[in-house]
C-alpha atoms as a PDB file:
ATOM      1  CA  MET A   1       0.075  -0.313   0.006  1.00  0.00           C
ATOM      2  CA  GLU A   2       0.783   3.359  -0.394  1.00  0.00           C
ATOM      3  CA  TYR A   3       0.739   6.737   1.077  1.00  0.00           C
ATOM      4  CA  PHE A   4       1.137   9.962  -0.555  1.00  0.00           C
ATOM      5  CA  LEU A   5       3.106  13.062   2.200  1.00  0.00           C
ATOM      6  CA  LYS A   6       1.426  16.591   0.581  1.00  0.00           C
ATOM      7  CA  SER A   7       5.444  18.707   0.327  1.00  0.00           C
ATOM      8  CA  PRO A   8       4.531  20.715  -2.712  1.00  0.00           C
ATOM      9  CA  GLY A   9       7.738  21.845  -4.615  1.00  0.00           C
ATOM     10  CA  ILE A  10       9.941  19.047  -3.152  1.00  0.00           C
ATOM     11  CA  ASP A  11      12.211  17.492  -5.317  1.00  0.00           C
ATOM     12  CA  LEU A  12      14.557  14.089  -4.679  1.00  0.00           C
ATOM     13  CA  ASP A  13      16.915  14.352  -6.602  1.00  0.00           C
ATOM     14  CA  SER A  14      18.095  18.278  -5.023  1.00  0.00           C
ATOM     15  CA  THR A  15      17.285  16.639  -1.563  1.00  0.00           C
ATOM     16  CA  PHE A  16      19.195  13.288  -1.829  1.00  0.00           C
ATOM     17  CA  ASN A  17      22.288  14.631  -3.202  1.00  0.00           C
ATOM     18  CA  CYS A  18      22.949  18.118  -1.991  1.00  0.00           C
ATOM     19  CA  GLY A  19      25.286  16.294   1.114  1.00  0.00           C
ATOM     20  CA  GLN A  20      22.994  16.049   3.981  1.00  0.00           C
ATOM     21  CA  CYS A  21      22.081  12.547   4.031  1.00  0.00           C
ATOM     22  CA  PHE A  22      23.966   8.572   2.490  1.00  0.00           C
ATOM     23  CA  ARG A  23      21.722   6.092   2.818  1.00  0.00           C
ATOM     24  CA  TRP A  24      19.215   6.545  -0.025  1.00  0.00           C
ATOM     25  CA  LYS A  25      19.754   4.704  -3.594  1.00  0.00           C
ATOM     26  CA  LYS A  26      17.806   6.074  -6.361  1.00  0.00           C
ATOM     27  CA  ALA A  27      16.055   2.945  -9.087  1.00  0.00           C
ATOM     28  CA  GLN A  28      15.684   3.406 -12.590  1.00  0.00           C
ATOM     29  CA  ASP A  29      12.512   4.178 -11.907  1.00  0.00           C
ATOM     30  CA  GLY A  30      13.073   7.518 -10.544  1.00  0.00           C
ATOM     31  CA  SER A  31      12.661   6.543  -7.048  1.00  0.00           C
ATOM     32  CA  TYR A  32      14.812   5.973  -4.037  1.00  0.00           C
ATOM     33  CA  SER A  33      15.007   2.946  -1.326  1.00  0.00           C
ATOM     34  CA  GLY A  34      16.565   4.251   1.944  1.00  0.00           C
ATOM     35  CA  PHE A  35      16.463   3.992   6.115  1.00  0.00           C
ATOM     36  CA  ALA A  36      16.426   6.985   8.374  1.00  0.00           C
ATOM     37  CA  GLY A  37      17.900   4.769  11.813  1.00  0.00           C
ATOM     38  CA  ALA A  38      15.439   1.711  11.757  1.00  0.00           C
ATOM     39  CA  HIS A  39      12.819   3.394   9.401  1.00  0.00           C
ATOM     40  CA  ARG A  40      12.867   1.631   6.225  1.00  0.00           C
ATOM     41  CA  ALA A  41      10.802   3.698   3.046  1.00  0.00           C
ATOM     42  CA  THR A  42      10.461   3.089  -1.221  1.00  0.00           C
ATOM     43  CA  VAL A  43       9.933   7.229  -2.107  1.00  0.00           C
ATOM     44  CA  ARG A  44       9.252   8.476  -5.479  1.00  0.00           C
ATOM     45  CA  GLN A  45       8.236  12.377  -6.245  1.00  0.00           C
ATOM     46  CA  VAL A  46       4.513  13.073  -7.296  1.00  0.00           C
ATOM     47  CA  ASP A  47       2.453  15.712  -7.535  1.00  0.00           C
ATOM     48  CA  GLY A  48       2.352  17.601  -4.920  1.00  0.00           C
ATOM     49  CA  GLY A  49       4.116  15.808  -2.847  1.00  0.00           C
ATOM     50  CA  LEU A  50       5.512  12.114  -2.455  1.00  0.00           C
ATOM     51  CA  MET A  51       4.128   8.836  -2.291  1.00  0.00           C
ATOM     52  CA  LEU A  52       5.462   6.572   0.464  1.00  0.00           C
ATOM     53  CA  SER A  53       6.024   2.447  -0.099  1.00  0.00           C
ATOM     54  CA  GLU A  54       7.327  -0.402   2.187  1.00  0.00           C
ATOM     55  CA  ILE A  55       5.983   1.786   5.269  1.00  0.00           C
ATOM     56  CA  HIS A  56       3.394   1.074   8.311  1.00  0.00           C
ATOM     57  CA  GLU A  57       0.929   3.741   8.077  1.00  0.00           C
ATOM     58  CA  SER A  58       2.088   4.876  11.774  1.00  0.00           C
ATOM     59  CA  ASP A  59       5.145   5.911  10.573  1.00  0.00           C
ATOM     60  CA  LYS A  60       3.734   8.027   8.086  1.00  0.00           C
ATOM     61  CA  ALA A  61       4.240  10.940  11.207  1.00  0.00           C
ATOM     62  CA  TYR A  62       7.592   9.737  11.440  1.00  0.00           C
ATOM     63  CA  TRP A  63       8.490  10.419   7.190  1.00  0.00           C
ATOM     64  CA  GLY A  64       6.556  14.085   7.157  1.00  0.00           C
ATOM     65  CA  HIS A  65       8.804  14.819  10.070  1.00  0.00           C
ATOM     66  CA  TYR A  66      12.110  13.643   7.985  1.00  0.00           C
ATOM     67  CA  PHE A  67      10.844  15.591   4.691  1.00  0.00           C
ATOM     68  CA  ASP A  68      10.185  18.950   7.309  1.00  0.00           C
ATOM     69  CA  THR A  69       6.726  19.311   5.426  1.00  0.00           C
ATOM     70  CA  GLN A  70       5.966  21.022   8.512  1.00  0.00           C
ATOM     71  CA  THR A  71       8.206  24.329   6.570  1.00  0.00           C
ATOM     72  CA  ASN A  72       6.889  26.351   4.061  1.00  0.00           C
ATOM     73  CA  TYR A  73       9.177  26.558   1.747  1.00  0.00           C
ATOM     74  CA  ALA A  74       7.862  28.442  -0.616  1.00  0.00           C
ATOM     75  CA  ALA A  75       7.042  31.674   2.185  1.00  0.00           C
ATOM     76  CA  LEU A  76      10.886  31.090   2.741  1.00  0.00           C
ATOM     77  CA  ILE A  77      11.936  30.741  -0.784  1.00  0.00           C
ATOM     78  CA  ARG A  78      10.222  34.720  -1.082  1.00  0.00           C
ATOM     79  CA  GLN A  79      12.336  36.155   1.664  1.00  0.00           C
ATOM     80  CA  PHE A  80      16.023  34.366   0.494  1.00  0.00           C
ATOM     81  CA  ALA A  81      15.004  36.500  -3.001  1.00  0.00           C
ATOM     82  CA  HIS A  82      15.876  40.259  -1.119  1.00  0.00           C
ATOM     83  CA  ASP A  83      19.533  38.879  -1.245  1.00  0.00           C
ATOM     84  CA  PRO A  84      20.432  38.258  -5.230  1.00  0.00           C
ATOM     85  CA  THR A  85      22.863  35.092  -4.731  1.00  0.00           C
ATOM     86  CA  LEU A  86      19.926  33.451  -2.560  1.00  0.00           C
ATOM     87  CA  ARG A  87      17.459  34.414  -5.408  1.00  0.00           C
ATOM     88  CA  ALA A  88      19.488  32.746  -7.830  1.00  0.00           C
ATOM     89  CA  ALA A  89      20.600  29.470  -5.602  1.00  0.00           C
ATOM     90  CA  THR A  90      16.884  28.879  -4.635  1.00  0.00           C
ATOM     91  CA  ALA A  91      15.667  29.259  -8.438  1.00  0.00           C
ATOM     92  CA  TYR A  92      18.867  26.329  -9.304  1.00  0.00           C
ATOM     93  CA  ALA A  93      17.345  24.222  -6.712  1.00  0.00           C
ATOM     94  CA  PRO A  94      14.154  25.574  -5.192  1.00  0.00           C
ATOM     95  CA  GLY A  95      13.015  21.852  -4.129  1.00  0.00           C
ATOM     96  CA  ILE A  96      15.512  20.743  -1.574  1.00  0.00           C
ATOM     97  CA  ARG A  97      14.824  19.869   1.813  1.00  0.00           C
ATOM     98  CA  VAL A  98      16.456  20.123   5.124  1.00  0.00           C
ATOM     99  CA  LEU A  99      16.188  16.501   6.185  1.00  0.00           C
ATOM    100  CA  ARG A 100      15.699  16.122   9.738  1.00  0.00           C
ATOM    101  CA  GLN A 101      17.306  13.028  10.795  1.00  0.00           C
ATOM    102  CA  GLU A 102      17.674  11.081  13.698  1.00  0.00           C
ATOM    103  CA  PRO A 103      20.815  12.662  16.382  1.00  0.00           C
ATOM    104  CA  PHE A 104      22.477   9.226  16.765  1.00  0.00           C
ATOM    105  CA  GLU A 105      22.878   8.423  12.956  1.00  0.00           C
ATOM    106  CA  THR A 106      23.309  12.380  11.923  1.00  0.00           C
ATOM    107  CA  LEU A 107      25.931  12.543  14.271  1.00  0.00           C
ATOM    108  CA  ILE A 108      28.297   9.142  13.164  1.00  0.00           C
ATOM    109  CA  SER A 109      27.195  10.284  10.029  1.00  0.00           C
ATOM    110  CA  PHE A 110      29.254  13.497  10.273  1.00  0.00           C
ATOM    111  CA  ILE A 111      31.848  12.140  11.932  1.00  0.00           C
ATOM    112  CA  ILE A 112      32.492   9.642   9.155  1.00  0.00           C
ATOM    113  CA  SER A 113      32.296  12.382   6.328  1.00  0.00           C
ATOM    114  CA  GLN A 114      35.705  14.867   7.385  1.00  0.00           C
ATOM    115  CA  ASN A 115      38.064  15.064   4.798  1.00  0.00           C
ATOM    116  CA  ASN A 116      35.721  12.399   2.733  1.00  0.00           C
ATOM    117  CA  ASN A 117      33.759  12.410  -0.114  1.00  0.00           C
ATOM    118  CA  ILE A 118      30.299  11.303  -0.579  1.00  0.00           C
ATOM    119  CA  GLY A 119      30.531   8.240  -1.893  1.00  0.00           C
ATOM    120  CA  ARG A 120      32.856   7.490  -0.070  1.00  0.00           C
ATOM    121  CA  ILE A 121      31.149   7.969   3.039  1.00  0.00           C
ATOM    122  CA  SER A 122      27.949   6.447   1.537  1.00  0.00           C
ATOM    123  CA  GLY A 123      30.322   3.018   0.928  1.00  0.00           C
ATOM    124  CA  ILE A 124      31.290   3.375   5.289  1.00  0.00           C
ATOM    125  CA  ILE A 125      28.292   4.082   6.200  1.00  0.00           C
ATOM    126  CA  GLU A 126      26.128   1.036   4.285  1.00  0.00           C
ATOM    127  CA  THR A 127      29.286  -1.402   5.262  1.00  0.00           C
ATOM    128  CA  LEU A 128      28.618   0.021   9.066  1.00  0.00           C
ATOM    129  CA  CYS A 129      25.142  -0.752   9.088  1.00  0.00           C
ATOM    130  CA  GLU A 130      25.636  -4.180   7.347  1.00  0.00           C
ATOM    131  CA  LEU A 131      27.864  -5.448   9.987  1.00  0.00           C
ATOM    132  CA  PHE A 132      26.825  -4.028  13.468  1.00  0.00           C
ATOM    133  CA  GLY A 133      23.250  -2.733  12.330  1.00  0.00           C
ATOM    134  CA  SER A 134      19.871  -4.826  12.602  1.00  0.00           C
ATOM    135  CA  ASP A 135      18.139  -5.935   9.013  1.00  0.00           C
ATOM    136  CA  GLY A 136      20.389  -2.337   7.288  1.00  0.00           C
ATOM    137  CA  ALA A 137      19.218   0.211  10.792  1.00  0.00           C
ATOM    138  CA  PHE A 138      21.360   2.161  11.576  1.00  0.00           C
ATOM    139  CA  PRO A 139      23.506   1.162  14.962  1.00  0.00           C
ATOM    140  CA  THR A 140      22.275   1.954  18.109  1.00  0.00           C
ATOM    141  CA  ALA A 141      25.619   3.674  20.364  1.00  0.00           C
ATOM    142  CA  GLY A 142      24.568   0.750  22.412  1.00  0.00           C
ATOM    143  CA  ALA A 143      25.484  -1.959  19.510  1.00  0.00           C
ATOM    144  CA  PHE A 144      28.902  -0.160  19.637  1.00  0.00           C
ATOM    145  CA  GLY A 145      29.639  -0.887  23.321  1.00  0.00           C
ATOM    146  CA  ALA A 146      32.258  -3.746  23.440  1.00  0.00           C
ATOM    147  CA  LEU A 147      33.948  -2.778  20.457  1.00  0.00           C
ATOM    148  CA  THR A 148      37.228  -1.704  19.599  1.00  0.00           C
ATOM    149  CA  GLU A 149      39.239  -0.055  16.968  1.00  0.00           C
ATOM    150  CA  ALA A 150      40.060  -3.646  15.255  1.00  0.00           C
ATOM    151  CA  ASP A 151      36.644  -4.491  15.347  1.00  0.00           C
ATOM    152  CA  LEU A 152      36.075  -1.305  13.069  1.00  0.00           C
ATOM    153  CA  SER A 153      38.572  -1.870  10.596  1.00  0.00           C
ATOM    154  CA  PRO A 154      36.432  -3.545   7.504  1.00  0.00           C
ATOM    155  CA  LEU A 155      34.924  -0.027   7.463  1.00  0.00           C
ATOM    156  CA  ARG A 156      38.185   1.359   6.003  1.00  0.00           C
ATOM    157  CA  ALA A 157      37.601   4.650   7.674  1.00  0.00           C
ATOM    158  CA  GLY A 158      41.562   6.006   9.438  1.00  0.00           C
ATOM    159  CA  TYR A 159      41.366   7.894  12.123  1.00  0.00           C
ATOM    160  CA  ARG A 160      38.132   8.391  12.248  1.00  0.00           C
ATOM    161  CA  THR A 161      37.066   5.175  13.810  1.00  0.00           C
ATOM    162  CA  ARG A 162      38.588   6.454  16.928  1.00  0.00           C
ATOM    163  CA  TYR A 163      35.998   9.755  16.833  1.00  0.00           C
ATOM    164  CA  ILE A 164      33.446   6.683  15.986  1.00  0.00           C
ATOM    165  CA  LEU A 165      33.779   5.128  19.322  1.00  0.00           C
ATOM    166  CA  ASP A 166      34.485   7.816  21.118  1.00  0.00           C
ATOM    167  CA  ALA A 167      31.255   9.683  20.365  1.00  0.00           C
ATOM    168  CA  ALA A 168      29.349   5.698  20.423  1.00  0.00           C
ATOM    169  CA  LYS A 169      30.661   6.258  24.291  1.00  0.00           C
ATOM    170  CA  LYS A 170      29.954   9.468  25.297  1.00  0.00           C
ATOM    171  CA  VAL A 171      26.094   8.495  24.249  1.00  0.00           C
ATOM    172  CA  ASN A 172      25.673   4.733  25.487  1.00  0.00           C
ATOM    173  CA  ASP A 173      27.333   6.153  28.919  1.00  0.00           C
ATOM    174  CA  GLY A 174      24.656   8.972  29.114  1.00  0.00           C
ATOM    175  CA  GLU A 175      27.709  11.894  29.174  1.00  0.00           C
ATOM    176  CA  ILE A 176      26.315  12.909  26.155  1.00  0.00           C
ATOM    177  CA  ARG A 177      22.569  12.826  26.248  1.00  0.00           C
ATOM    178  CA  LEU A 178      21.283  13.356  23.089  1.00  0.00           C
ATOM    179  CA  ASP A 179      17.435  14.324  24.305  1.00  0.00           C
ATOM    180  CA  ASN A 180      19.120  17.112  25.965  1.00  0.00           C
ATOM    181  CA  VAL A 181      21.067  18.598  23.290  1.00  0.00           C
ATOM    182  CA  ALA A 182      17.900  18.511  21.736  1.00  0.00           C
ATOM    183  CA  LYS A 183      15.900  20.608  24.235  1.00  0.00           C
ATOM    184  CA  MET A 184      19.011  22.866  24.427  1.00  0.00           C
ATOM    185  CA  GLN A 185      19.616  26.424  23.316  1.00  0.00           C
ATOM    186  CA  TYR A 186      21.709  26.086  19.819  1.00  0.00           C
ATOM    187  CA  ASN A 187      25.147  27.426  21.707  1.00  0.00           C
ATOM    188  CA  ILE A 188      24.759  25.708  24.717  1.00  0.00           C
ATOM    189  CA  ALA A 189      23.878  22.397  22.344  1.00  0.00           C
ATOM    190  CA  LYS A 190      26.991  23.118  19.945  1.00  0.00           C
ATOM    191  CA  ALA A 191      29.080  23.102  23.267  1.00  0.00           C
ATOM    192  CA  GLU A 192      27.743  19.775  24.638  1.00  0.00           C
ATOM    193  CA  LEU A 193      28.233  18.104  20.746  1.00  0.00           C
ATOM    194  CA  LEU A 194      32.216  20.056  21.166  1.00  0.00           C
ATOM    195  CA  LYS A 195      32.876  17.521  23.666  1.00  0.00           C
ATOM    196  CA  ILE A 196      33.163  14.438  21.563  1.00  0.00           C
ATOM    197  CA  VAL A 197      36.615  13.633  20.280  1.00  0.00           C
ATOM    198  CA  GLY A 198      37.401  14.184  16.421  1.00  0.00           C
ATOM    199  CA  VAL A 199      33.828  16.714  16.618  1.00  0.00           C
ATOM    200  CA  GLY A 200      34.874  20.694  15.408  1.00  0.00           C
ATOM    201  CA  ASP A 201      32.454  23.233  14.922  1.00  0.00           C
ATOM    202  CA  LYS A 202      31.410  22.247  11.009  1.00  0.00           C
ATOM    203  CA  VAL A 203      30.729  18.741  12.247  1.00  0.00           C
ATOM    204  CA  ALA A 204      28.896  19.877  15.182  1.00  0.00           C
ATOM    205  CA  ASP A 205      26.776  22.671  12.937  1.00  0.00           C
ATOM    206  CA  CYS A 206      26.183  19.751  10.182  1.00  0.00           C
ATOM    207  CA  VAL A 207      24.799  17.428  13.087  1.00  0.00           C
ATOM    208  CA  LEU A 208      22.564  20.532  15.104  1.00  0.00           C
ATOM    209  CA  LEU A 209      20.755  21.182  11.853  1.00  0.00           C
ATOM    210  CA  PHE A 210      20.392  17.933  10.028  1.00  0.00           C
ATOM    211  CA  GLY A 211      19.806  15.694  13.826  1.00  0.00           C
ATOM    212  CA  PHE A 212      18.122  17.889  15.895  1.00  0.00           C
ATOM    213  CA  GLY A 213      16.384  20.986  13.201  1.00  0.00           C
ATOM    214  CA  LYS A 214      18.311  23.951  14.749  1.00  0.00           C
ATOM    215  CA  MET A 215      17.714  25.738  11.489  1.00  0.00           C
ATOM    216  CA  GLN A 216      20.491  28.753  12.859  1.00  0.00           C
ATOM    217  CA  ALA A 217      23.250  26.075  12.620  1.00  0.00           C
ATOM    218  CA  PHE A 218      25.297  27.475   9.642  1.00  0.00           C
ATOM    219  CA  PRO A 219      27.875  24.410   9.144  1.00  0.00           C
ATOM    220  CA  LYS A 220      30.454  25.868   7.114  1.00  0.00           C
ATOM    221  CA  ASP A 221      32.806  23.515   4.541  1.00  0.00           C
ATOM    222  CA  VAL A 222      35.167  24.607   2.168  1.00  0.00           C
ATOM    223  CA  TRP A 223      32.420  25.263  -0.572  1.00  0.00           C
ATOM    224  CA  VAL A 224      30.677  27.882   1.913  1.00  0.00           C
ATOM    225  CA  LYS A 225      33.509  29.442   2.684  1.00  0.00           C
ATOM    226  CA  ARG A 226      34.197  29.965  -0.411  1.00  0.00           C
ATOM    227  CA  VAL A 227      30.599  31.029  -0.338  1.00  0.00           C
ATOM    228  CA  MET A 228      30.831  33.413   2.052  1.00  0.00           C
ATOM    229  CA  SER A 229      34.107  35.167   0.812  1.00  0.00           C
ATOM    230  CA  ARG A 230      33.045  35.573  -2.493  1.00  0.00           C
ATOM    231  CA  TYR A 231      29.007  37.451  -1.640  1.00  0.00           C
ATOM    232  CA  TYR A 232      29.306  37.388   1.990  1.00  0.00           C
ATOM    233  CA  PRO A 233      32.566  38.924   3.316  1.00  0.00           C
ATOM    234  CA  ASP A 234      30.580  41.079   5.776  1.00  0.00           C
ATOM    235  CA  GLY A 235      27.680  38.801   7.040  1.00  0.00           C
ATOM    236  CA  LEU A 236      24.606  36.824   6.132  1.00  0.00           C
ATOM    237  CA  PRO A 237      21.668  39.094   5.010  1.00  0.00           C
ATOM    238  CA  ASP A 238      18.961  39.667   7.700  1.00  0.00           C
ATOM    239  CA  CYS A 239      16.465  37.720   5.667  1.00  0.00           C
ATOM    240  CA  THR A 240      18.297  34.688   6.483  1.00  0.00           C
ATOM    241  CA  ARG A 241      18.144  35.404  10.313  1.00  0.00           C
ATOM    242  CA  GLY A 242      16.811  32.223  12.283  1.00  0.00           C
ATOM    243  CA  VAL A 243      16.932  29.983   9.121  1.00  0.00           C
ATOM    244  CA  GLU A 244      20.518  30.328   8.480  1.00  0.00           C
ATOM    245  CA  GLY A 245      20.866  26.532   8.550  1.00  0.00           C
ATOM    246  CA  ILE A 246      18.364  26.324   4.759  1.00  0.00           C
ATOM    247  CA  ALA A 247      19.909  29.336   3.673  1.00  0.00           C
ATOM    248  CA  GLN A 248      23.114  27.576   3.657  1.00  0.00           C
ATOM    249  CA  GLN A 249      21.737  24.117   2.297  1.00  0.00           C
ATOM    250  CA  PHE A 250      20.606  25.846  -0.976  1.00  0.00           C
ATOM    251  CA  LEU A 251      24.024  27.989  -1.259  1.00  0.00           C
ATOM    252  CA  PHE A 252      25.785  24.815  -0.291  1.00  0.00           C
ATOM    253  CA  HIS A 253      24.437  23.140  -3.217  1.00  0.00           C
ATOM    254  CA  TYR A 254      24.539  26.366  -5.545  1.00  0.00           C
ATOM    255  CA  ILE A 255      28.287  26.864  -5.572  1.00  0.00           C
ATOM    256  CA  ARG A 256      29.556  23.189  -5.925  1.00  0.00           C
ATOM    257  CA  MET A 257      27.393  22.724  -9.389  1.00  0.00           C
ATOM    258  CA  ILE A 258      27.915  25.984 -10.807  1.00  0.00           C
ATOM    259  CA  LYS A 259      31.451  26.619  -9.036  1.00  0.00           C
END
């Protein structure tokens, strides 16, 4: 059975391929299959939104949250149009949506992403889920409990292996309470994540944006730094205030594509 999810203007290709998620695969018919945490779905784009299959009806609300259907992106695009660069970026890929992902999965995924390309990140995460997840689901923090760096060697994650284990240990031991991070103000939440070995400003902001929906988080990688240097040497325009992270995703995708 299929379930319709209203999401006007969404574009799956640009949403899934703009560097924010790593577990979706496209089929020849244009649909995507993948996971978010322990939730699996096949999704295809239709007029006015998405059609979901291989899910339970009770999971429809979960996927509505995941695809950020509660945010009025048409209004945000009109708001961003006050700035010429953002106007161009949103016109280039108006169907981008900032996904609301599972916090622990997002934390580990962006630790893995450091100095890595999207293809390799996806491969490491796929191996991680195959080896330590349940039926393809992303492993829980507890699944890492007794693991060593040697156990993770098949991932070929290099120096990131130590960071993965430190993050899982701190979450599993309760030193970092992700449910508490969700309730914290942005600056306090960021400081909490920075306690994890290997988590710097960029990774922390990615986790806060994609894993906790803190839309003021503004991850700066080499592409975004290039945007800031070229177009915003004095900082972002006022039209992005409070939703800097959404603006970032449009700008990140745009600058990578037009170079």
